[in-house]
């Protein structure tokens, strides 16, 4: 068995807080679509978190990175990854006690096991939501291109912000387009601005990743795109919750297009309103490396114990 070790590169108050939050969250949750915690170490200036090793790396390496050209993600695998990621989020939002908002859903935080099953990872920005609380107002953290408008502009965070990020991720998985790309002249275009004209023209086949070479279910593709647009509605009250998303996905997207379809509204405006006004890309404070479990790490603490 192999493990992966996340190591804090430099000590800072912010980095140590993220370390503590991640250990706290991972100690609380157990789900087949969340990355499992093996243990952690905190001594002196050393901070380590030990996880199960994911041999197929992160989703981003297959969409945009060194494995992208191999096109190992066919349509079936992509939909399996979408469903697994949705189930992991649904667990955080509706089954974990208290409920948890991830706050940094993106392709690099979805890891893939030996069977390409999705594992949602990296809980350094996560927030616990007390019972009866619908949202929190907090400092904005996350990654440009995935942030819900109400969070990016006003710091208002709720489970619906994760739903928005999931919608962006869904479009990214379907199209292999980056959530935000730079055009000639330094202009930035987000994935919603890119996809909208194709939806308006019903040119759904133009949305699919060209590397799929047309090998996808068109009805599923249409329904998945429309679901993504529902998830990224500018009004958080119009977005589905993750239980509904899972229900639609597992119920068969191709059979439920009418259920998913609705008036898209502001998210399909050609002027591209809804993009983030400012950049909130978070510089990583961690480095990750795979290593086998013969390496000993002293002073283990049981998974689930609170970081002190």
Foldseek 3Di string as FASTA:
>chain_A
DWKKKKKQPFDDPLVVLLLQQQLQVLLQDDDPQAWHWPFWDDDDGITMTMTHDAPQAFQLCCLPNDNVVVNPQAQVLLLQQLLSVLVVLCCQQPPGVQRKAQQEDDRNQWGAHPVGHTHGDRRSPMDGDHPPDAWDADDHAYFFLQFQQCCLPGRTDGSLRVLLSSLLRLLCSFQSDDQWDADPPRDIDGPLLVCLVCVVVVVLVNSGHCVNVPPDDPLLSLLSNLLSLQSRQNDSVSHDGSVVVSCCSVVDSSVCSVVSHDPSPPSNDNVRPGGRPDGNHDDDSIDMDMDGPVDDDPDTDDRNDRDD
